[in-house]
N, C-alpha and C. Protein backbone atom coordinates (compact mmCIF):
# COMPACT_ATOMS: atom_id res chain seq x y z
N MET A 1 -70.14 22.09 -50.80
CA MET A 1 -68.91 22.71 -50.73
C MET A 1 -68.05 22.15 -49.47
N LYS A 2 -68.82 21.89 -48.42
CA LYS A 2 -68.17 21.35 -47.23
C LYS A 2 -67.65 19.95 -47.52
N THR A 3 -68.47 19.18 -48.26
CA THR A 3 -67.92 17.74 -48.46
C THR A 3 -66.79 17.78 -49.32
N THR A 4 -66.55 18.70 -50.24
CA THR A 4 -65.45 18.83 -51.04
C THR A 4 -64.20 19.14 -50.24
N ALA A 5 -64.37 20.09 -49.26
CA ALA A 5 -63.37 20.48 -48.42
C ALA A 5 -62.83 19.35 -47.47
N TYR A 6 -63.88 18.62 -46.95
CA TYR A 6 -63.47 17.48 -46.15
C TYR A 6 -62.76 16.38 -46.95
N ALA A 7 -63.21 16.15 -48.12
CA ALA A 7 -62.63 15.09 -49.00
C ALA A 7 -61.14 15.52 -49.31
N ALA A 8 -60.93 16.75 -49.57
CA ALA A 8 -59.52 17.27 -49.88
C ALA A 8 -58.68 17.13 -48.64
N LEU A 9 -59.31 17.35 -47.43
CA LEU A 9 -58.45 17.29 -46.21
C LEU A 9 -58.15 15.90 -45.94
N ILE A 10 -59.06 14.93 -46.14
CA ILE A 10 -58.88 13.59 -45.77
C ILE A 10 -57.86 12.99 -46.81
N CYS A 11 -57.94 13.35 -48.01
CA CYS A 11 -56.97 12.81 -48.99
C CYS A 11 -55.59 13.41 -48.87
N SER A 12 -55.48 14.56 -48.31
CA SER A 12 -54.06 15.18 -48.10
C SER A 12 -53.43 14.64 -46.93
N ALA A 13 -54.13 14.10 -45.96
CA ALA A 13 -53.52 13.73 -44.71
C ALA A 13 -52.40 12.62 -44.87
N PRO A 14 -52.66 11.60 -45.76
CA PRO A 14 -51.51 10.63 -45.92
C PRO A 14 -50.30 11.28 -46.65
N LEU A 15 -50.52 12.27 -47.36
CA LEU A 15 -49.34 12.89 -48.04
C LEU A 15 -48.49 13.73 -46.96
N LEU A 16 -49.20 14.34 -46.09
CA LEU A 16 -48.51 15.02 -45.00
C LEU A 16 -47.89 14.11 -44.02
N ALA A 17 -48.40 12.94 -43.78
CA ALA A 17 -47.86 12.06 -42.83
C ALA A 17 -46.62 11.45 -43.33
N GLY A 18 -46.43 11.38 -44.68
CA GLY A 18 -45.20 11.01 -45.22
C GLY A 18 -44.03 11.97 -44.97
N CYS A 19 -44.24 13.19 -44.62
CA CYS A 19 -43.21 14.14 -44.39
C CYS A 19 -42.68 14.05 -42.90
N ILE A 20 -43.29 13.34 -42.10
CA ILE A 20 -42.83 13.19 -40.72
C ILE A 20 -41.71 12.21 -40.62
N SER A 21 -40.63 12.45 -39.92
CA SER A 21 -39.62 11.47 -39.73
C SER A 21 -39.68 10.98 -38.27
N VAL A 22 -39.45 9.67 -38.20
CA VAL A 22 -39.56 9.08 -36.79
C VAL A 22 -38.09 8.72 -36.40
N PRO A 23 -37.66 9.08 -35.26
CA PRO A 23 -36.24 8.73 -34.86
C PRO A 23 -36.12 7.19 -34.65
N GLU A 24 -34.94 6.74 -34.70
CA GLU A 24 -34.70 5.31 -34.57
C GLU A 24 -35.19 4.93 -33.14
N PRO A 25 -35.69 3.74 -32.93
CA PRO A 25 -36.25 3.34 -31.60
C PRO A 25 -35.17 3.07 -30.64
N THR A 26 -35.38 3.24 -29.40
CA THR A 26 -34.46 2.95 -28.30
C THR A 26 -34.54 1.39 -28.16
N VAL A 27 -33.32 0.74 -28.14
CA VAL A 27 -33.34 -0.75 -28.15
C VAL A 27 -33.03 -1.13 -26.69
N LEU A 28 -33.88 -2.00 -26.18
CA LEU A 28 -33.74 -2.62 -24.87
C LEU A 28 -33.63 -4.04 -24.95
N HIS A 29 -32.80 -4.70 -24.17
CA HIS A 29 -32.54 -6.15 -24.16
C HIS A 29 -33.22 -6.74 -22.96
N MET A 30 -33.89 -7.90 -23.14
CA MET A 30 -34.54 -8.57 -22.06
C MET A 30 -33.63 -8.91 -20.90
N SER A 31 -32.39 -9.27 -21.18
CA SER A 31 -31.43 -9.61 -20.11
C SER A 31 -31.20 -8.47 -19.19
N GLU A 32 -31.11 -7.27 -19.85
CA GLU A 32 -30.98 -6.01 -19.03
C GLU A 32 -32.19 -5.72 -18.22
N LEU A 33 -33.33 -5.86 -18.84
CA LEU A 33 -34.60 -5.59 -18.14
C LEU A 33 -34.89 -6.47 -16.92
N ARG A 34 -34.57 -7.83 -17.09
CA ARG A 34 -34.74 -8.77 -16.04
C ARG A 34 -33.82 -8.52 -14.87
N ASN A 35 -32.79 -7.83 -15.05
CA ASN A 35 -31.77 -7.60 -13.97
C ASN A 35 -31.96 -6.17 -13.32
N LYS A 36 -33.05 -5.56 -13.54
CA LYS A 36 -33.29 -4.28 -12.83
C LYS A 36 -33.59 -4.56 -11.35
N ASP A 37 -33.50 -3.50 -10.56
CA ASP A 37 -33.70 -3.66 -9.14
C ASP A 37 -35.24 -3.67 -8.88
N PHE A 38 -35.77 -4.76 -8.56
CA PHE A 38 -37.29 -4.89 -8.28
C PHE A 38 -37.55 -4.67 -6.90
N GLY A 39 -36.58 -4.46 -6.06
CA GLY A 39 -36.74 -4.30 -4.68
C GLY A 39 -36.73 -5.62 -3.91
N ARG A 40 -37.02 -5.66 -2.67
CA ARG A 40 -37.06 -6.86 -1.87
C ARG A 40 -38.16 -7.72 -2.30
N TYR A 41 -37.90 -9.04 -2.40
CA TYR A 41 -38.98 -10.02 -2.73
C TYR A 41 -40.00 -10.03 -1.59
N PRO A 42 -41.28 -9.82 -1.89
CA PRO A 42 -42.33 -9.79 -0.81
C PRO A 42 -42.74 -11.14 -0.29
N ASP A 43 -41.96 -11.75 0.62
CA ASP A 43 -42.39 -12.94 1.25
C ASP A 43 -43.71 -12.85 1.94
N ASN A 44 -44.07 -11.73 2.50
CA ASN A 44 -45.35 -11.59 3.23
C ASN A 44 -46.38 -10.83 2.39
N TYR A 45 -46.37 -11.22 1.09
CA TYR A 45 -47.37 -10.54 0.18
C TYR A 45 -48.74 -10.82 0.56
N GLN A 46 -49.14 -11.87 1.07
CA GLN A 46 -50.54 -12.11 1.38
C GLN A 46 -51.03 -11.16 2.56
N ALA A 47 -50.14 -10.97 3.53
CA ALA A 47 -50.49 -10.06 4.54
C ALA A 47 -50.53 -8.64 4.11
N ILE A 48 -49.65 -8.23 3.23
CA ILE A 48 -49.59 -6.87 2.68
C ILE A 48 -50.89 -6.63 1.89
N ILE A 49 -51.40 -7.55 1.08
CA ILE A 49 -52.58 -7.37 0.32
C ILE A 49 -53.84 -7.36 1.24
N LYS A 50 -53.84 -8.35 2.22
CA LYS A 50 -54.96 -8.33 3.07
C LYS A 50 -55.08 -7.07 3.96
N ARG A 51 -53.92 -6.54 4.29
CA ARG A 51 -54.05 -5.18 5.00
C ARG A 51 -54.58 -4.09 4.12
N ARG A 52 -54.24 -4.10 2.79
CA ARG A 52 -54.76 -3.18 1.84
C ARG A 52 -56.23 -3.35 1.59
N LEU A 53 -56.68 -4.60 1.62
CA LEU A 53 -58.10 -4.90 1.45
C LEU A 53 -58.93 -4.37 2.74
N ALA A 54 -58.26 -4.60 3.92
CA ALA A 54 -58.94 -4.07 5.10
C ALA A 54 -59.12 -2.60 5.12
N GLU A 55 -58.25 -1.87 4.46
CA GLU A 55 -58.21 -0.43 4.39
C GLU A 55 -59.23 0.06 3.32
N THR A 56 -59.38 -0.65 2.28
CA THR A 56 -60.13 -0.14 1.13
C THR A 56 -61.57 -0.65 0.89
N LEU A 57 -61.76 -1.88 1.35
CA LEU A 57 -63.11 -2.50 1.00
C LEU A 57 -64.26 -1.90 1.93
N ILE A 58 -65.46 -1.85 1.48
CA ILE A 58 -66.53 -1.34 2.18
C ILE A 58 -66.80 -2.30 3.49
N ASP A 59 -66.78 -3.57 3.19
CA ASP A 59 -67.02 -4.60 4.22
C ASP A 59 -65.90 -5.64 4.15
N PRO A 60 -64.73 -5.25 4.73
CA PRO A 60 -63.61 -6.16 4.58
C PRO A 60 -63.74 -7.54 5.22
N ASP A 61 -64.55 -7.67 6.29
CA ASP A 61 -64.81 -8.95 6.87
C ASP A 61 -65.60 -9.91 5.93
N SER A 62 -66.27 -9.32 5.01
CA SER A 62 -67.06 -10.20 4.14
C SER A 62 -66.27 -10.72 2.84
N ALA A 63 -65.12 -10.20 2.73
CA ALA A 63 -64.33 -10.57 1.54
C ALA A 63 -63.96 -12.08 1.52
N LYS A 64 -64.11 -12.58 0.38
CA LYS A 64 -63.77 -14.01 0.18
C LYS A 64 -62.54 -13.99 -0.88
N ILE A 65 -61.52 -14.70 -0.54
CA ILE A 65 -60.34 -14.75 -1.31
C ILE A 65 -60.11 -16.14 -1.76
N ALA A 66 -59.97 -16.30 -3.08
CA ALA A 66 -59.92 -17.66 -3.67
C ALA A 66 -58.40 -18.06 -3.82
N GLY A 67 -57.52 -17.16 -3.79
CA GLY A 67 -56.13 -17.49 -3.84
C GLY A 67 -55.32 -16.36 -4.40
N PHE A 68 -53.97 -16.54 -4.15
CA PHE A 68 -52.99 -15.57 -4.59
C PHE A 68 -52.04 -16.33 -5.58
N THR A 69 -51.52 -15.52 -6.56
CA THR A 69 -50.44 -16.11 -7.36
C THR A 69 -49.09 -15.63 -6.67
N PRO A 70 -48.08 -16.40 -6.82
CA PRO A 70 -46.80 -15.97 -6.22
C PRO A 70 -46.34 -14.68 -6.91
N PRO A 71 -45.59 -13.81 -6.19
CA PRO A 71 -45.09 -12.55 -6.84
C PRO A 71 -44.22 -12.87 -8.00
N ARG A 72 -44.43 -12.07 -9.05
CA ARG A 72 -43.66 -12.22 -10.28
C ARG A 72 -43.14 -10.84 -10.66
N LYS A 73 -41.97 -10.73 -11.22
CA LYS A 73 -41.39 -9.52 -11.56
C LYS A 73 -42.23 -8.83 -12.61
N TYR A 74 -42.36 -7.47 -12.50
CA TYR A 74 -43.22 -6.64 -13.39
C TYR A 74 -42.41 -5.35 -13.54
N LEU A 75 -42.32 -4.98 -14.83
CA LEU A 75 -41.58 -3.75 -15.24
C LEU A 75 -42.46 -2.94 -16.19
N ARG A 76 -42.71 -1.72 -15.73
CA ARG A 76 -43.35 -0.72 -16.58
C ARG A 76 -42.32 0.25 -17.22
N VAL A 77 -42.35 0.36 -18.46
CA VAL A 77 -41.34 1.33 -19.11
C VAL A 77 -42.14 2.52 -19.77
N TYR A 78 -41.78 3.70 -19.37
CA TYR A 78 -42.40 4.91 -19.99
C TYR A 78 -41.35 5.67 -20.65
N GLN A 79 -41.74 6.41 -21.81
CA GLN A 79 -40.79 7.24 -22.44
C GLN A 79 -41.38 8.56 -22.57
N ASP A 80 -40.57 9.64 -22.21
CA ASP A 80 -40.99 11.05 -22.32
C ASP A 80 -40.84 11.43 -23.82
N PHE A 81 -41.96 11.89 -24.41
CA PHE A 81 -41.95 12.14 -25.86
C PHE A 81 -41.06 13.31 -26.28
N LYS A 82 -40.85 14.26 -25.39
CA LYS A 82 -40.00 15.46 -25.78
C LYS A 82 -38.53 15.08 -25.71
N THR A 83 -38.12 14.42 -24.50
CA THR A 83 -36.79 14.16 -24.33
C THR A 83 -36.30 12.73 -24.73
N GLN A 84 -37.27 11.80 -24.99
CA GLN A 84 -37.01 10.46 -25.32
C GLN A 84 -36.40 9.71 -24.14
N ARG A 85 -36.48 10.30 -22.94
CA ARG A 85 -35.83 9.77 -21.72
C ARG A 85 -36.83 8.59 -21.29
N LEU A 86 -36.20 7.48 -20.88
CA LEU A 86 -36.97 6.29 -20.43
C LEU A 86 -36.98 6.29 -18.84
N THR A 87 -38.15 5.90 -18.33
CA THR A 87 -38.38 5.77 -16.88
C THR A 87 -38.84 4.40 -16.60
N TYR A 88 -38.23 3.75 -15.61
CA TYR A 88 -38.54 2.37 -15.37
C TYR A 88 -39.34 2.34 -13.97
N TYR A 89 -40.35 1.45 -13.88
CA TYR A 89 -41.13 1.30 -12.69
C TYR A 89 -41.06 -0.18 -12.37
N PRO A 90 -40.04 -0.76 -11.74
CA PRO A 90 -40.07 -2.18 -11.44
C PRO A 90 -40.86 -2.49 -10.05
N SER A 91 -41.47 -3.68 -10.03
CA SER A 91 -42.22 -4.11 -8.82
C SER A 91 -42.50 -5.59 -9.00
N TYR A 92 -43.20 -6.16 -8.02
CA TYR A 92 -43.65 -7.53 -8.11
C TYR A 92 -45.18 -7.40 -8.32
N ALA A 93 -45.76 -8.28 -9.20
CA ALA A 93 -47.17 -8.31 -9.43
C ALA A 93 -47.74 -9.61 -8.77
N VAL A 94 -48.78 -9.42 -8.09
CA VAL A 94 -49.52 -10.54 -7.43
C VAL A 94 -50.97 -10.46 -7.84
N CYS A 95 -51.50 -11.53 -8.31
CA CYS A 95 -52.98 -11.58 -8.68
C CYS A 95 -53.69 -12.22 -7.57
N VAL A 96 -54.89 -11.68 -7.31
CA VAL A 96 -55.76 -12.18 -6.23
C VAL A 96 -57.20 -12.24 -6.74
N ARG A 97 -57.85 -13.31 -6.45
CA ARG A 97 -59.22 -13.53 -6.88
C ARG A 97 -60.04 -13.20 -5.71
N ILE A 98 -60.92 -12.24 -5.81
CA ILE A 98 -61.73 -11.72 -4.61
C ILE A 98 -63.21 -11.61 -4.95
N ASN A 99 -64.04 -11.93 -3.93
CA ASN A 99 -65.48 -11.66 -4.10
C ASN A 99 -65.83 -10.93 -2.80
N SER A 100 -66.27 -9.72 -2.89
CA SER A 100 -66.59 -8.86 -1.75
C SER A 100 -67.89 -8.17 -1.89
N LYS A 101 -68.41 -7.70 -0.86
CA LYS A 101 -69.80 -7.02 -0.85
C LYS A 101 -69.56 -5.56 -1.36
N ASN A 102 -70.62 -5.12 -2.02
CA ASN A 102 -70.73 -3.72 -2.53
C ASN A 102 -71.50 -2.95 -1.50
N SER A 103 -71.76 -1.67 -1.85
CA SER A 103 -72.45 -0.82 -0.85
C SER A 103 -73.88 -1.21 -0.63
N TYR A 104 -74.42 -2.03 -1.53
CA TYR A 104 -75.86 -2.51 -1.28
C TYR A 104 -75.93 -3.77 -0.48
N GLY A 105 -74.76 -4.39 -0.11
CA GLY A 105 -74.72 -5.56 0.67
C GLY A 105 -74.67 -6.86 -0.14
N GLY A 106 -74.65 -6.74 -1.41
CA GLY A 106 -74.57 -7.88 -2.33
C GLY A 106 -73.18 -8.14 -2.78
N TYR A 107 -72.85 -9.45 -2.99
CA TYR A 107 -71.56 -9.85 -3.50
C TYR A 107 -71.40 -9.32 -4.95
N THR A 108 -70.15 -8.88 -5.26
CA THR A 108 -69.89 -8.34 -6.63
C THR A 108 -69.57 -9.45 -7.59
N GLY A 109 -69.27 -10.71 -7.13
CA GLY A 109 -68.83 -11.74 -7.96
C GLY A 109 -67.42 -11.83 -8.00
N TRP A 110 -66.81 -12.97 -8.40
CA TRP A 110 -65.41 -13.25 -8.29
C TRP A 110 -64.68 -12.31 -9.37
N GLN A 111 -63.63 -11.64 -8.96
CA GLN A 111 -62.97 -10.70 -9.85
C GLN A 111 -61.45 -10.78 -9.59
N ASP A 112 -60.60 -10.79 -10.63
CA ASP A 112 -59.21 -10.80 -10.49
C ASP A 112 -58.70 -9.33 -10.17
N HIS A 113 -57.87 -9.21 -9.27
CA HIS A 113 -57.22 -7.90 -8.95
C HIS A 113 -55.70 -8.15 -8.99
N VAL A 114 -55.02 -7.08 -9.42
CA VAL A 114 -53.59 -7.24 -9.44
C VAL A 114 -53.05 -6.11 -8.53
N TYR A 115 -52.05 -6.53 -7.72
CA TYR A 115 -51.36 -5.61 -6.80
C TYR A 115 -49.93 -5.66 -7.15
N PHE A 116 -49.37 -4.43 -7.12
CA PHE A 116 -47.92 -4.19 -7.47
C PHE A 116 -47.25 -3.86 -6.15
N ILE A 117 -46.29 -4.70 -5.82
CA ILE A 117 -45.60 -4.46 -4.51
C ILE A 117 -44.07 -4.20 -4.76
N ARG A 118 -43.57 -3.19 -4.03
CA ARG A 118 -42.18 -2.92 -4.03
C ARG A 118 -41.76 -2.57 -2.70
N ASN A 119 -40.75 -3.31 -2.19
CA ASN A 119 -40.12 -3.11 -0.87
C ASN A 119 -41.26 -3.08 0.28
N GLY A 120 -42.15 -3.99 0.19
CA GLY A 120 -43.16 -4.17 1.19
C GLY A 120 -44.40 -3.21 1.14
N GLU A 121 -44.47 -2.40 0.08
CA GLU A 121 -45.47 -1.43 -0.09
C GLU A 121 -46.21 -1.62 -1.40
N ILE A 122 -47.53 -1.41 -1.40
CA ILE A 122 -48.26 -1.53 -2.62
C ILE A 122 -48.07 -0.23 -3.40
N MET A 123 -47.77 -0.38 -4.66
CA MET A 123 -47.55 0.72 -5.52
C MET A 123 -48.73 1.14 -6.17
N LEU A 124 -49.02 2.47 -6.42
CA LEU A 124 -50.18 2.86 -7.16
C LEU A 124 -49.84 3.02 -8.56
N GLY A 125 -50.81 3.09 -9.41
CA GLY A 125 -50.59 3.34 -10.83
C GLY A 125 -50.19 2.17 -11.65
N GLY A 126 -50.48 1.00 -11.16
CA GLY A 126 -50.19 -0.19 -12.03
C GLY A 126 -51.28 -0.34 -13.03
N ASP A 127 -51.02 -1.00 -14.12
CA ASP A 127 -52.01 -1.21 -15.19
C ASP A 127 -52.26 -2.71 -15.25
N PRO A 128 -53.25 -3.09 -14.61
CA PRO A 128 -53.53 -4.62 -14.52
C PRO A 128 -54.27 -5.18 -15.74
N LEU A 129 -54.64 -4.42 -16.63
CA LEU A 129 -55.43 -4.90 -17.81
C LEU A 129 -54.69 -5.82 -18.76
N HIS A 130 -53.37 -5.63 -18.80
CA HIS A 130 -52.64 -6.53 -19.77
C HIS A 130 -52.01 -7.80 -19.06
N ILE A 131 -52.16 -7.90 -17.80
CA ILE A 131 -51.61 -9.07 -17.12
C ILE A 131 -52.65 -10.18 -17.07
N LYS A 132 -52.22 -11.28 -17.50
CA LYS A 132 -53.12 -12.50 -17.52
C LYS A 132 -52.81 -13.19 -16.16
N CYS A 133 -53.74 -13.15 -15.27
CA CYS A 133 -53.46 -13.69 -13.92
C CYS A 133 -53.28 -15.24 -14.00
N GLY A 134 -53.83 -15.95 -14.98
CA GLY A 134 -53.56 -17.37 -15.10
C GLY A 134 -52.34 -17.77 -15.70
N SER A 135 -51.51 -16.77 -16.20
CA SER A 135 -50.35 -17.13 -16.91
C SER A 135 -49.25 -17.58 -16.05
N ARG A 136 -48.33 -18.37 -16.43
CA ARG A 136 -47.23 -18.94 -15.68
C ARG A 136 -45.96 -18.16 -15.94
N GLN A 137 -46.06 -17.04 -16.62
CA GLN A 137 -44.87 -16.26 -16.79
C GLN A 137 -44.29 -15.80 -15.52
N ASP A 138 -42.97 -15.68 -15.48
CA ASP A 138 -42.28 -15.22 -14.31
C ASP A 138 -41.82 -13.76 -14.34
N PHE A 139 -42.09 -13.11 -15.53
CA PHE A 139 -41.67 -11.75 -15.87
C PHE A 139 -42.76 -11.10 -16.75
N PHE A 140 -43.21 -9.95 -16.34
CA PHE A 140 -44.19 -9.17 -17.14
C PHE A 140 -43.57 -7.87 -17.46
N LEU A 141 -43.59 -7.56 -18.77
CA LEU A 141 -43.14 -6.28 -19.24
C LEU A 141 -44.22 -5.45 -19.80
N TYR A 142 -44.42 -4.23 -19.46
CA TYR A 142 -45.38 -3.27 -20.09
C TYR A 142 -44.58 -2.11 -20.61
N VAL A 143 -44.73 -1.87 -21.90
CA VAL A 143 -44.09 -0.72 -22.58
C VAL A 143 -45.25 0.20 -23.01
N GLU A 144 -45.16 1.46 -22.74
CA GLU A 144 -46.15 2.47 -23.07
C GLU A 144 -46.45 2.24 -24.52
N PRO A 145 -47.74 2.25 -24.92
CA PRO A 145 -48.13 1.89 -26.33
C PRO A 145 -47.53 2.81 -27.39
N LEU A 146 -47.30 4.13 -27.13
CA LEU A 146 -46.78 4.98 -28.24
C LEU A 146 -45.30 5.21 -28.05
N ALA A 147 -44.67 4.46 -27.10
CA ALA A 147 -43.22 4.65 -26.92
C ALA A 147 -42.49 4.11 -28.09
N ASN A 148 -41.39 4.78 -28.47
CA ASN A 148 -40.50 4.28 -29.61
C ASN A 148 -39.39 3.53 -29.06
N ILE A 149 -39.88 2.25 -28.67
CA ILE A 149 -38.93 1.33 -28.03
C ILE A 149 -39.02 0.00 -28.70
N GLU A 150 -37.82 -0.68 -28.98
CA GLU A 150 -37.81 -1.99 -29.50
C GLU A 150 -37.20 -2.88 -28.45
N VAL A 151 -37.79 -4.03 -28.10
CA VAL A 151 -37.35 -4.96 -27.05
C VAL A 151 -36.87 -6.12 -27.80
N ARG A 152 -35.56 -6.43 -27.54
CA ARG A 152 -34.98 -7.61 -28.14
C ARG A 152 -34.54 -8.65 -27.06
N PRO A 153 -34.41 -9.93 -27.52
CA PRO A 153 -34.15 -10.97 -26.41
C PRO A 153 -32.78 -10.80 -25.88
């Protein structure tokens, strides 16, 4: 009996999904996004990141840094599902390759870390997973996966 109920539920789900209407997507243009206020360009980005490493690493003196990428514009776009209101989080993204010691005294191995800087401060809540540190792009755009947004050139 249970299997029949589950089968009926699974078969009816696509029928119910067809009853949902999706509003038209919000259209954003790349030219508009590139011209957002990203804050002051971080000329001293290496010092800003080294200061953060000194504050957060277990053994900051042991940290080995293989290099920094130059700061590149990064824009996160979020959409409130109830109001459809967009929120923009512009900053500069800097990739750093770091090998530092863990709490056992051993090196963790080389890892790429991404820091998001705005007006001389490191911003929290960045999503480094989608940034390719080896990329030569000068602009990164992250749109929330379920947002109803269409980006046009």
